[in-house]
C-alpha atoms as a PDB file:
ATOM      1  CA  MET A   1     100.121 -58.692  94.762  1.00  0.00           C
ATOM      2  CA  ARG A   2     102.845 -61.257  94.356  1.00  0.00           C
ATOM      3  CA  GLY A   3     103.012 -63.991  92.011  1.00  0.00           C
ATOM      4  CA  PHE A   4     103.482 -67.728  92.380  1.00  0.00           C
ATOM      5  CA  ALA A   5     105.840 -69.055  94.911  1.00  0.00           C
ATOM      6  CA  THR A   6     105.965 -72.162  93.287  1.00  0.00           C
ATOM      7  CA  THR A   7     108.444 -73.487  90.565  1.00  0.00           C
ATOM      8  CA  LEU A   8     106.609 -74.745  87.622  1.00  0.00           C
ATOM      9  CA  ASP A   9     108.198 -76.984  84.865  1.00  0.00           C
ATOM     10  CA  TYR A  10     106.324 -77.074  81.433  1.00  0.00           C
ATOM     11  CA  THR A  11     106.270 -79.484  78.874  1.00  0.00           C
ATOM     12  CA  PRO A  12     105.392 -78.377  75.619  1.00  0.00           C
ATOM     13  CA  GLY A  13     102.124 -80.297  74.106  1.00  0.00           C
ATOM     14  CA  GLY A  14     102.890 -79.339  70.314  1.00  0.00           C
ATOM     15  CA  ALA A  15     102.863 -76.160  68.267  1.00  0.00           C
ATOM     16  CA  ASP A  16      99.391 -74.540  67.616  1.00  0.00           C
ATOM     17  CA  PRO A  17      98.578 -73.778  63.746  1.00  0.00           C
ATOM     18  CA  ASN A  18      98.596 -70.103  64.523  1.00  0.00           C
ATOM     19  CA  GLY A  19     102.011 -70.550  66.014  1.00  0.00           C
ATOM     20  CA  TYR A  20     101.178 -69.853  69.741  1.00  0.00           C
ATOM     21  CA  PRO A  21     102.499 -72.561  72.387  1.00  0.00           C
ATOM     22  CA  SER A  22      99.718 -74.981  72.935  1.00  0.00           C
ATOM     23  CA  ARG A  23      98.632 -76.278  76.078  1.00  0.00           C
ATOM     24  CA  MET A  24     101.354 -76.521  78.714  1.00  0.00           C
ATOM     25  CA  SER A  25     101.311 -79.314  81.455  1.00  0.00           C
ATOM     26  CA  PRO A  26     102.249 -78.033  84.688  1.00  0.00           C
ATOM     27  CA  ALA A  27     104.567 -80.270  86.884  1.00  0.00           C
ATOM     28  CA  SER A  28     102.684 -78.884  90.033  1.00  0.00           C
ATOM     29  CA  SER A  29      99.169 -77.336  90.071  1.00  0.00           C
ATOM     30  CA  PRO A  30      98.839 -73.729  91.395  1.00  0.00           C
ATOM     31  CA  GLN A  31      97.136 -73.464  94.570  1.00  0.00           C
ATOM     32  CA  PRO A  32      93.542 -72.896  94.132  1.00  0.00           C
ATOM     33  CA  LEU A  33      91.841 -69.549  95.754  1.00  0.00           C
ATOM     34  CA  PRO A  34      88.795 -69.893  98.062  1.00  0.00           C
ATOM     35  CA  SER A  35      86.629 -68.677  95.687  1.00  0.00           C
ATOM     36  CA  HIS A  36      85.808 -68.447  92.335  1.00  0.00           C
ATOM     37  CA  ALA A  37      86.276 -65.435  89.955  1.00  0.00           C
ATOM     38  CA  THR A  38      83.760 -62.623  89.615  1.00  0.00           C
ATOM     39  CA  PRO A  39      82.425 -62.797  86.398  1.00  0.00           C
ATOM     40  CA  ILE A  40      82.887 -59.457  84.214  1.00  0.00           C
ATOM     41  CA  ASP A  41      79.072 -59.672  82.839  1.00  0.00           C
ATOM     42  CA  GLY A  42      79.077 -58.323  79.420  1.00  0.00           C
ATOM     43  CA  LYS A  43      75.635 -58.982  78.895  1.00  0.00           C
ATOM     44  CA  ALA A  44      74.991 -56.408  81.939  1.00  0.00           C
ATOM     45  CA  LEU A  45      77.236 -54.038  80.886  1.00  0.00           C
ATOM     46  CA  ALA A  46      75.947 -53.732  77.517  1.00  0.00           C
ATOM     47  CA  ALA A  47      72.660 -53.320  78.734  1.00  0.00           C
ATOM     48  CA  ALA A  48      73.383 -50.356  80.521  1.00  0.00           C
ATOM     49  CA  VAL A  49      75.040 -48.622  77.279  1.00  0.00           C
ATOM     50  CA  ARG A  50      72.353 -49.504  75.192  1.00  0.00           C
ATOM     51  CA  ALA A  51      70.092 -47.886  77.775  1.00  0.00           C
ATOM     52  CA  ASP A  52      72.269 -44.674  77.394  1.00  0.00           C
ATOM     53  CA  VAL A  53      72.097 -45.257  73.649  1.00  0.00           C
ATOM     54  CA  THR A  54      68.277 -45.275  73.280  1.00  0.00           C
ATOM     55  CA  ALA A  55      67.958 -42.291  75.714  1.00  0.00           C
ATOM     56  CA  ARG A  56      70.532 -40.341  72.982  1.00  0.00           C
ATOM     57  CA  VAL A  57      68.867 -41.587  70.042  1.00  0.00           C
ATOM     58  CA  GLU A  58      65.574 -40.501  71.293  1.00  0.00           C
ATOM     59  CA  LYS A  59      66.756 -36.899  71.759  1.00  0.00           C
ATOM     60  CA  LEU A  60      68.549 -36.866  68.119  1.00  0.00           C
ATOM     61  CA  ALA A  61      65.161 -37.949  66.791  1.00  0.00           C
ATOM     62  CA  VAL A  62      63.502 -35.095  68.281  1.00  0.00           C
ATOM     63  CA  ALA A  63      65.844 -33.067  66.330  1.00  0.00           C
ATOM     64  CA  GLY A  64      65.284 -34.619  63.256  1.00  0.00           C
ATOM     65  CA  ARG A  65      68.692 -36.504  63.563  1.00  0.00           C
ATOM     66  CA  ARG A  66      67.774 -39.945  64.035  1.00  0.00           C
ATOM     67  CA  PRO A  67      71.158 -42.141  64.056  1.00  0.00           C
ATOM     68  CA  ARG A  68      71.326 -44.232  60.851  1.00  0.00           C
ATOM     69  CA  LEU A  69      73.879 -47.079  60.343  1.00  0.00           C
ATOM     70  CA  ASP A  70      74.674 -47.899  56.468  1.00  0.00           C
ATOM     71  CA  ALA A  71      76.220 -51.379  56.154  1.00  0.00           C
ATOM     72  CA  VAL A  72      77.723 -53.172  52.850  1.00  0.00           C
ATOM     73  CA  LEU A  73      77.246 -56.707  52.411  1.00  0.00           C
ATOM     74  CA  VAL A  74      79.147 -58.446  49.676  1.00  0.00           C
ATOM     75  CA  GLY A  75      78.020 -61.599  48.125  1.00  0.00           C
ATOM     76  CA  GLY A  76      75.888 -64.151  50.323  1.00  0.00           C
ATOM     77  CA  ASP A  77      77.995 -65.547  53.093  1.00  0.00           C
ATOM     78  CA  ARG A  78      75.679 -67.094  55.194  1.00  0.00           C
ATOM     79  CA  SER A  79      77.400 -66.057  58.440  1.00  0.00           C
ATOM     80  CA  ALA A  80      77.563 -62.348  57.353  1.00  0.00           C
ATOM     81  CA  GLU A  81      73.770 -62.892  56.310  1.00  0.00           C
ATOM     82  CA  LEU A  82      72.839 -63.839  59.794  1.00  0.00           C
ATOM     83  CA  TYR A  83      74.802 -61.390  61.276  1.00  0.00           C
ATOM     84  CA  ALA A  84      73.374 -58.415  59.252  1.00  0.00           C
ATOM     85  CA  GLU A  85      69.979 -59.506  60.112  1.00  0.00           C
ATOM     86  CA  SER A  86      71.191 -59.740  63.998  1.00  0.00           C
ATOM     87  CA  GLN A  87      72.707 -56.250  63.567  1.00  0.00           C
ATOM     88  CA  ALA A  88      69.244 -54.862  62.032  1.00  0.00           C
ATOM     89  CA  ARG A  89      67.160 -56.139  64.814  1.00  0.00           C
ATOM     90  CA  THR A  90      69.683 -55.057  67.345  1.00  0.00           C
ATOM     91  CA  CYS A  91      69.707 -51.325  65.946  1.00  0.00           C
ATOM     92  CA  GLY A  92      65.991 -51.517  65.882  1.00  0.00           C
ATOM     93  CA  LYS A  93      65.839 -51.894  69.382  1.00  0.00           C
ATOM     94  CA  VAL A  94      67.485 -48.586  70.129  1.00  0.00           C
ATOM     95  CA  GLY A  95      65.815 -46.878  67.534  1.00  0.00           C
ATOM     96  CA  ILE A  96      69.154 -46.506  64.945  1.00  0.00           C
ATOM     97  CA  GLU A  97      67.930 -47.049  61.581  1.00  0.00           C
ATOM     98  CA  TYR A  98      69.700 -49.690  59.532  1.00  0.00           C
ATOM     99  CA  VAL A  99      70.162 -49.705  55.818  1.00  0.00           C
ATOM    100  CA  LEU A 100      71.842 -52.730  54.170  1.00  0.00           C
ATOM    101  CA  HIS A 101      73.313 -51.988  50.934  1.00  0.00           C
ATOM    102  CA  ARG A 102      74.194 -55.480  48.685  1.00  0.00           C
ATOM    103  CA  LEU A 103      76.655 -56.476  46.092  1.00  0.00           C
ATOM    104  CA  PRO A 104      76.936 -59.658  44.113  1.00  0.00           C
ATOM    105  CA  SER A 105      79.517 -61.949  45.242  1.00  0.00           C
ATOM    106  CA  ASP A 106      81.468 -61.239  41.881  1.00  0.00           C
ATOM    107  CA  ALA A 107      81.974 -57.490  42.852  1.00  0.00           C
ATOM    108  CA  GLY A 108      85.487 -56.484  42.404  1.00  0.00           C
ATOM    109  CA  TYR A 109      87.576 -53.872  44.035  1.00  0.00           C
ATOM    110  CA  LYS A 110      86.138 -50.799  41.924  1.00  0.00           C
ATOM    111  CA  GLU A 111      82.674 -51.836  42.430  1.00  0.00           C
ATOM    112  CA  ILE A 112      83.003 -51.983  46.281  1.00  0.00           C
ATOM    113  CA  ALA A 113      85.386 -49.114  46.797  1.00  0.00           C
ATOM    114  CA  GLY A 114      82.713 -46.953  44.681  1.00  0.00           C
ATOM    115  CA  LEU A 115      79.748 -47.692  46.839  1.00  0.00           C
ATOM    116  CA  VAL A 116      82.054 -46.794  50.162  1.00  0.00           C
ATOM    117  CA  LEU A 117      83.296 -43.431  48.468  1.00  0.00           C
ATOM    118  CA  LEU A 118      79.551 -42.918  47.531  1.00  0.00           C
ATOM    119  CA  LEU A 119      78.433 -43.081  51.294  1.00  0.00           C
ATOM    120  CA  ASN A 120      81.510 -41.165  52.417  1.00  0.00           C
ATOM    121  CA  ALA A 121      80.103 -38.116  50.148  1.00  0.00           C
ATOM    122  CA  GLU A 122      76.291 -38.644  51.120  1.00  0.00           C
ATOM    123  CA  GLU A 123      75.636 -36.021  53.941  1.00  0.00           C
ATOM    124  CA  ASP A 124      72.747 -38.486  55.121  1.00  0.00           C
ATOM    125  CA  VAL A 125      74.938 -40.991  56.046  1.00  0.00           C
ATOM    126  CA  ARG A 126      76.610 -40.518  59.215  1.00  0.00           C
ATOM    127  CA  ALA A 127      77.931 -44.368  60.359  1.00  0.00           C
ATOM    128  CA  VAL A 128      79.288 -46.831  57.592  1.00  0.00           C
ATOM    129  CA  MET A 129      80.593 -50.501  58.568  1.00  0.00           C
ATOM    130  CA  LEU A 130      81.705 -53.060  55.980  1.00  0.00           C
ATOM    131  CA  HIS A 131      80.696 -56.774  56.456  1.00  0.00           C
ATOM    132  CA  LEU A 132      83.464 -59.367  55.948  1.00  0.00           C
ATOM    133  CA  PRO A 133      84.655 -61.432  54.362  1.00  0.00           C
ATOM    134  CA  LEU A 134      84.910 -59.753  51.200  1.00  0.00           C
ATOM    135  CA  PRO A 135      85.468 -61.825  47.722  1.00  0.00           C
ATOM    136  CA  ALA A 136      88.773 -63.351  47.505  1.00  0.00           C
ATOM    137  CA  GLY A 137      91.394 -61.316  45.873  1.00  0.00           C
ATOM    138  CA  VAL A 138      89.820 -57.909  47.518  1.00  0.00           C
ATOM    139  CA  ASP A 139      92.005 -56.272  49.748  1.00  0.00           C
ATOM    140  CA  THR A 140      90.106 -56.005  52.880  1.00  0.00           C
ATOM    141  CA  GLU A 141      92.372 -53.808  54.475  1.00  0.00           C
ATOM    142  CA  ARG A 142      92.526 -51.396  51.719  1.00  0.00           C
ATOM    143  CA  ILE A 143      88.644 -51.255  51.333  1.00  0.00           C
ATOM    144  CA  GLN A 144      88.605 -50.384  55.199  1.00  0.00           C
ATOM    145  CA  SER A 145      90.959 -47.414  54.758  1.00  0.00           C
ATOM    146  CA  LEU A 146      88.590 -45.954  52.083  1.00  0.00           C
ATOM    147  CA  ILE A 147      85.917 -45.402  54.995  1.00  0.00           C
ATOM    148  CA  ASP A 148      85.879 -42.030  55.843  1.00  0.00           C
ATOM    149  CA  PRO A 149      87.239 -41.670  59.436  1.00  0.00           C
ATOM    150  CA  GLY A 150      84.396 -39.534  60.776  1.00  0.00           C
ATOM    151  CA  LYS A 151      81.556 -42.314  59.695  1.00  0.00           C
ATOM    152  CA  ASP A 152      83.691 -45.246  60.547  1.00  0.00           C
ATOM    153  CA  VAL A 153      81.968 -46.643  63.317  1.00  0.00           C
ATOM    154  CA  GLU A 154      83.775 -49.837  63.820  1.00  0.00           C
ATOM    155  CA  GLY A 155      87.067 -48.088  63.942  1.00  0.00           C
ATOM    156  CA  VAL A 156      89.014 -50.172  61.078  1.00  0.00           C
ATOM    157  CA  ASN A 157      90.319 -46.987  59.192  1.00  0.00           C
ATOM    158  CA  PRO A 158      93.891 -47.013  59.927  1.00  0.00           C
ATOM    159  CA  ALA A 159      93.323 -43.001  60.996  1.00  0.00           C
ATOM    160  CA  ASN A 160      90.768 -44.109  63.790  1.00  0.00           C
ATOM    161  CA  ILE A 161      93.250 -46.935  64.992  1.00  0.00           C
ATOM    162  CA  GLY A 162      96.249 -44.455  65.053  1.00  0.00           C
ATOM    163  CA  ASN A 163      93.977 -41.856  67.239  1.00  0.00           C
ATOM    164  CA  VAL A 164      93.797 -44.431  69.912  1.00  0.00           C
ATOM    165  CA  VAL A 165      97.452 -43.195  70.690  1.00  0.00           C
ATOM    166  CA  TYR A 166      96.296 -39.533  71.087  1.00  0.00           C
ATOM    167  CA  GLY A 167      93.606 -40.836  73.793  1.00  0.00           C
ATOM    168  CA  ARG A 168      90.392 -40.738  71.540  1.00  0.00           C
ATOM    169  CA  ARG A 169      87.835 -43.541  72.616  1.00  0.00           C
ATOM    170  CA  SER A 170      85.477 -42.587  69.938  1.00  0.00           C
ATOM    171  CA  LEU A 171      85.276 -44.168  66.600  1.00  0.00           C
ATOM    172  CA  VAL A 172      88.327 -46.599  67.632  1.00  0.00           C
ATOM    173  CA  PRO A 173      88.033 -50.348  67.417  1.00  0.00           C
ATOM    174  CA  CYS A 174      84.870 -51.698  69.074  1.00  0.00           C
ATOM    175  CA  THR A 175      86.590 -54.973  70.400  1.00  0.00           C
ATOM    176  CA  ALA A 176      89.532 -52.922  71.634  1.00  0.00           C
ATOM    177  CA  LEU A 177      87.017 -50.397  73.509  1.00  0.00           C
ATOM    178  CA  ALA A 178      84.739 -53.069  74.974  1.00  0.00           C
ATOM    179  CA  VAL A 179      87.578 -55.056  76.653  1.00  0.00           C
ATOM    180  CA  VAL A 180      88.956 -51.772  78.295  1.00  0.00           C
ATOM    181  CA  GLU A 181      85.682 -50.883  79.449  1.00  0.00           C
ATOM    182  CA  MET A 182      85.104 -54.480  80.716  1.00  0.00           C
ATOM    183  CA  ILE A 183      88.264 -54.114  82.659  1.00  0.00           C
ATOM    184  CA  GLU A 184      87.377 -50.710  83.984  1.00  0.00           C
ATOM    185  CA  SER A 185      83.999 -52.296  85.192  1.00  0.00           C
ATOM    186  CA  THR A 186      85.818 -54.432  87.921  1.00  0.00           C
ATOM    187  CA  GLY A 187      86.988 -51.313  89.601  1.00  0.00           C
ATOM    188  CA  ILE A 188      90.708 -51.846  89.139  1.00  0.00           C
ATOM    189  CA  ASP A 189      92.988 -48.657  89.131  1.00  0.00           C
ATOM    190  CA  LEU A 190      95.030 -49.390  85.884  1.00  0.00           C
ATOM    191  CA  LYS A 191      97.753 -46.756  86.893  1.00  0.00           C
ATOM    192  CA  GLY A 192     101.027 -48.640  87.189  1.00  0.00           C
ATOM    193  CA  LYS A 193      99.398 -52.057  86.677  1.00  0.00           C
ATOM    194  CA  ARG A 194     100.924 -54.938  84.583  1.00  0.00           C
ATOM    195  CA  CYS A 195      98.797 -55.888  81.949  1.00  0.00           C
ATOM    196  CA  VAL A 196      99.803 -58.502  79.285  1.00  0.00           C
ATOM    197  CA  VAL A 197      97.839 -58.641  75.999  1.00  0.00           C
ATOM    198  CA  VAL A 198      98.055 -61.849  74.554  1.00  0.00           C
ATOM    199  CA  GLY A 199      97.802 -61.212  70.636  1.00  0.00           C
ATOM    200  CA  ALA A 200      98.753 -58.233  68.901  1.00  0.00           C
ATOM    201  CA  SER A 201      96.085 -57.960  65.769  1.00  0.00           C
ATOM    202  CA  ASN A 202      95.859 -54.493  64.122  1.00  0.00           C
ATOM    203  CA  ILE A 203      92.199 -54.080  65.357  1.00  0.00           C
ATOM    204  CA  VAL A 204      92.208 -55.855  68.617  1.00  0.00           C
ATOM    205  CA  GLY A 205      95.586 -56.712  70.228  1.00  0.00           C
ATOM    206  CA  LYS A 206      97.304 -53.728  69.438  1.00  0.00           C
ATOM    207  CA  PRO A 207      94.594 -50.989  70.281  1.00  0.00           C
ATOM    208  CA  ILE A 208      93.550 -52.725  73.362  1.00  0.00           C
ATOM    209  CA  ALA A 209      97.440 -52.533  74.447  1.00  0.00           C
ATOM    210  CA  VAL A 210      97.581 -48.420  73.458  1.00  0.00           C
ATOM    211  CA  LEU A 211      94.371 -47.906  75.377  1.00  0.00           C
ATOM    212  CA  LEU A 212      95.812 -49.554  78.081  1.00  0.00           C
ATOM    213  CA  MET A 213      98.763 -47.382  78.144  1.00  0.00           C
ATOM    214  CA  ARG A 214      96.773 -44.506  77.691  1.00  0.00           C
ATOM    215  CA  ALA A 215      95.382 -45.422  81.028  1.00  0.00           C
ATOM    216  CA  GLU A 216      98.802 -45.360  82.464  1.00  0.00           C
ATOM    217  CA  ALA A 217      99.195 -49.085  82.754  1.00  0.00           C
ATOM    218  CA  THR A 218     102.477 -50.934  82.484  1.00  0.00           C
ATOM    219  CA  VAL A 219     101.718 -52.960  79.219  1.00  0.00           C
ATOM    220  CA  VAL A 220     103.344 -56.045  77.651  1.00  0.00           C
ATOM    221  CA  SER A 221     102.139 -56.973  73.890  1.00  0.00           C
ATOM    222  CA  THR A 222     102.706 -60.474  73.144  1.00  0.00           C
ATOM    223  CA  ASN A 223     102.814 -62.689  69.849  1.00  0.00           C
ATOM    224  CA  LYS A 224     103.178 -66.282  68.755  1.00  0.00           C
ATOM    225  CA  PHE A 225     107.087 -65.425  68.806  1.00  0.00           C
ATOM    226  CA  THR A 226     107.201 -64.505  72.426  1.00  0.00           C
ATOM    227  CA  ASP A 227     109.315 -66.532  74.549  1.00  0.00           C
ATOM    228  CA  ASP A 228     107.897 -68.322  77.717  1.00  0.00           C
ATOM    229  CA  LEU A 229     104.680 -66.601  77.315  1.00  0.00           C
ATOM    230  CA  PRO A 230     102.879 -68.730  80.279  1.00  0.00           C
ATOM    231  CA  ALA A 231     105.376 -66.908  82.530  1.00  0.00           C
ATOM    232  CA  ILE A 232     104.871 -63.369  81.133  1.00  0.00           C
ATOM    233  CA  ALA A 233     101.109 -64.004  81.370  1.00  0.00           C
ATOM    234  CA  ARG A 234     101.586 -65.323  85.021  1.00  0.00           C
ATOM    235  CA  ASP A 235     102.937 -62.071  86.413  1.00  0.00           C
ATOM    236  CA  ALA A 236     100.078 -59.922  84.824  1.00  0.00           C
ATOM    237  CA  GLU A 237      97.547 -58.077  86.835  1.00  0.00           C
ATOM    238  CA  VAL A 238      95.276 -57.888  84.064  1.00  0.00           C
ATOM    239  CA  LEU A 239      95.349 -60.407  81.380  1.00  0.00           C
ATOM    240  CA  VAL A 240      93.834 -60.080  77.736  1.00  0.00           C
ATOM    241  CA  ALA A 241      93.617 -63.152  75.933  1.00  0.00           C
ATOM    242  CA  ALA A 242      93.164 -62.022  72.195  1.00  0.00           C
ATOM    243  CA  ALA A 243      95.154 -64.440  70.376  1.00  0.00           C
ATOM    244  CA  GLY A 244      92.505 -66.477  68.636  1.00  0.00           C
ATOM    245  CA  VAL A 245      93.552 -69.840  69.686  1.00  0.00           C
ATOM    246  CA  PRO A 246      90.995 -71.991  71.293  1.00  0.00           C
ATOM    247  CA  GLN A 247      91.627 -72.697  75.213  1.00  0.00           C
ATOM    248  CA  LEU A 248      95.321 -71.238  74.680  1.00  0.00           C
ATOM    249  CA  VAL A 249      95.253 -70.187  78.233  1.00  0.00           C
ATOM    250  CA  GLY A 250      95.129 -72.462  81.196  1.00  0.00           C
ATOM    251  CA  ALA A 251      95.869 -72.080  84.831  1.00  0.00           C
ATOM    252  CA  ASP A 252      99.284 -71.806  84.835  1.00  0.00           C
ATOM    253  CA  TRP A 253      99.218 -68.685  82.737  1.00  0.00           C
ATOM    254  CA  VAL A 254      97.301 -66.814  85.457  1.00  0.00           C
ATOM    255  CA  ARG A 255      98.218 -64.978  88.567  1.00  0.00           C
ATOM    256  CA  PRO A 256      96.052 -65.417  91.698  1.00  0.00           C
ATOM    257  CA  GLY A 257      93.330 -62.641  91.829  1.00  0.00           C
ATOM    258  CA  ALA A 258      94.103 -61.275  88.431  1.00  0.00           C
ATOM    259  CA  VAL A 259      91.814 -59.811  85.983  1.00  0.00           C
ATOM    260  CA  VAL A 260      91.156 -62.014  82.794  1.00  0.00           C
ATOM    261  CA  VAL A 261      89.296 -60.874  79.725  1.00  0.00           C
ATOM    262  CA  ASP A 262      88.691 -63.672  77.202  1.00  0.00           C
ATOM    263  CA  VAL A 263      88.124 -62.299  73.842  1.00  0.00           C
ATOM    264  CA  GLY A 264      88.188 -65.316  71.705  1.00  0.00           C
ATOM    265  CA  ILE A 265      84.870 -66.774  70.233  1.00  0.00           C
ATOM    266  CA  HIS A 266      85.107 -69.946  68.627  1.00  0.00           C
ATOM    267  CA  ARG A 267      82.272 -72.210  67.643  1.00  0.00           C
ATOM    268  CA  VAL A 268      83.259 -76.177  68.045  1.00  0.00           C
ATOM    269  CA  GLU A 269      81.591 -79.485  67.915  1.00  0.00           C
ATOM    270  CA  ASP A 270      82.917 -82.525  69.495  1.00  0.00           C
ATOM    271  CA  ASP A 271      81.356 -85.134  71.660  1.00  0.00           C
ATOM    272  CA  ALA A 272      79.474 -82.895  73.849  1.00  0.00           C
ATOM    273  CA  GLY A 273      77.643 -81.054  71.087  1.00  0.00           C
ATOM    274  CA  ALA A 274      78.125 -77.838  69.385  1.00  0.00           C
ATOM    275  CA  ARG A 275      79.361 -74.963  71.676  1.00  0.00           C
ATOM    276  CA  THR A 276      81.349 -71.800  71.969  1.00  0.00           C
ATOM    277  CA  ILE A 277      84.470 -71.602  73.555  1.00  0.00           C
ATOM    278  CA  GLY A 278      87.139 -69.022  74.107  1.00  0.00           C
ATOM    279  CA  ASP A 279      91.169 -68.318  74.040  1.00  0.00           C
ATOM    280  CA  VAL A 280      90.786 -69.422  77.856  1.00  0.00           C
ATOM    281  CA  ARG A 281      90.146 -72.382  79.673  1.00  0.00           C
ATOM    282  CA  HIS A 282      87.708 -71.114  82.231  1.00  0.00           C
ATOM    283  CA  ASP A 283      87.313 -74.564  84.218  1.00  0.00           C
ATOM    284  CA  GLU A 284      90.905 -74.149  85.122  1.00  0.00           C
ATOM    285  CA  VAL A 285      91.097 -70.136  85.547  1.00  0.00           C
ATOM    286  CA  ALA A 286      87.944 -69.350  87.249  1.00  0.00           C
ATOM    287  CA  PRO A 287      89.388 -70.641  90.651  1.00  0.00           C
ATOM    288  CA  ILE A 288      92.330 -68.739  90.150  1.00  0.00           C
ATOM    289  CA  ALA A 289      91.222 -65.165  88.629  1.00  0.00           C
ATOM    290  CA  GLY A 290      89.855 -62.471  90.643  1.00  0.00           C
ATOM    291  CA  HIS A 291      87.752 -61.119  87.551  1.00  0.00           C
ATOM    292  CA  LEU A 292      86.898 -63.438  84.581  1.00  0.00           C
ATOM    293  CA  SER A 293      84.667 -62.799  81.331  1.00  0.00           C
ATOM    294  CA  PRO A 294      82.784 -65.509  80.197  1.00  0.00           C
ATOM    295  CA  VAL A 295      82.350 -66.796  76.652  1.00  0.00           C
ATOM    296  CA  PRO A 296      79.864 -66.363  75.396  1.00  0.00           C
ATOM    297  CA  GLY A 297      78.284 -63.313  77.292  1.00  0.00           C
ATOM    298  CA  GLY A 298      81.192 -61.205  77.650  1.00  0.00           C
ATOM    299  CA  VAL A 299      83.391 -59.364  75.303  1.00  0.00           C
ATOM    300  CA  GLY A 300      80.712 -60.078  72.442  1.00  0.00           C
ATOM    301  CA  PRO A 301      77.746 -58.257  73.709  1.00  0.00           C
ATOM    302  CA  MET A 302      79.772 -55.461  74.861  1.00  0.00           C
ATOM    303  CA  THR A 303      81.767 -55.037  71.148  1.00  0.00           C
ATOM    304  CA  VAL A 304      78.291 -54.802  69.736  1.00  0.00           C
ATOM    305  CA  ALA A 305      77.078 -52.146  72.296  1.00  0.00           C
ATOM    306  CA  MET A 306      80.397 -50.051  71.194  1.00  0.00           C
ATOM    307  CA  LEU A 307      79.203 -50.131  67.749  1.00  0.00           C
ATOM    308  CA  LEU A 308      76.012 -48.842  68.600  1.00  0.00           C
ATOM    309  CA  ARG A 309      77.235 -46.257  70.997  1.00  0.00           C
ATOM    310  CA  ASN A 310      79.916 -45.291  67.825  1.00  0.00           C
ATOM    311  CA  CYS A 311      76.869 -44.780  65.796  1.00  0.00           C
ATOM    312  CA  VAL A 312      75.291 -42.139  67.948  1.00  0.00           C
ATOM    313  CA  GLU A 313      78.410 -40.518  68.468  1.00  0.00           C
ATOM    314  CA  ALA A 314      79.075 -40.103  64.600  1.00  0.00           C
ATOM    315  CA  ALA A 315      75.300 -38.715  64.475  1.00  0.00           C
ATOM    316  CA  GLU A 316      75.996 -36.328  67.247  1.00  0.00           C
ATOM    317  CA  ARG A 317      79.013 -34.931  65.693  1.00  0.00           C
ATOM    318  CA  VAL A 318      76.682 -33.337  62.897  1.00  0.00           C
END
């Protein structure tokens, strides 16, 4: 597939707080495709994963090894509380036991680290995760590095992130795994395909790039210092938007027919009311892309499903 034949001139619209170029205004618009992008339905894909998880949980339960997720919550952050409640319900629907361990908001490194190490040592505990944020002054990455790699179902321990390089897909960062499985669901053969990952965070952007490399794709990992980012993105047959910048990616970033996965999730309020948006301007990109993940209903549900699957796989290893 060839890229744009039209030459585009870009006028910067100002700097984004995260350092990425803000929306670019094309001097001439790309020609729209005759039909809109096929949605990459994260809800449907997640439902299939949950069905598989439920069946595997039932087998483990019959053998007396029902999976259990032990989660640590420090303080009373409302968003974390709501997520923990939602997580408990989600686990319950597939038969996974959910145990929430609470610590007060003034808990320091020693108290949090001590609880994590205790969970590591308990034989009945097979899956551990840490709710964020942690209190100010507590090094989140240092705590995450303490989680036993074999119980780290979020894949946040540096050891599990490193395992991605060696081809492991179990207990690697859930969002990264969700993104790659969503790309594969489109039927694209990744071998040799040009893939651009916008964003290079340790638990999302970088692991996505490495997983794509393991699939023998040709991968470009970009960050806020990358020059002429829209032009690089426009050459991609697979484009992953994971910069954490609302509506960064517009029509002038996308190659006709490309697979576009939007990892961003941003809650905004404006004259239209409260809504959830991503890193991609969907109204612009949908007429151009071949496949496009929605927000909400895309990467989010699949990330949760990957966590559930990791819980089962951790239990199956016993």
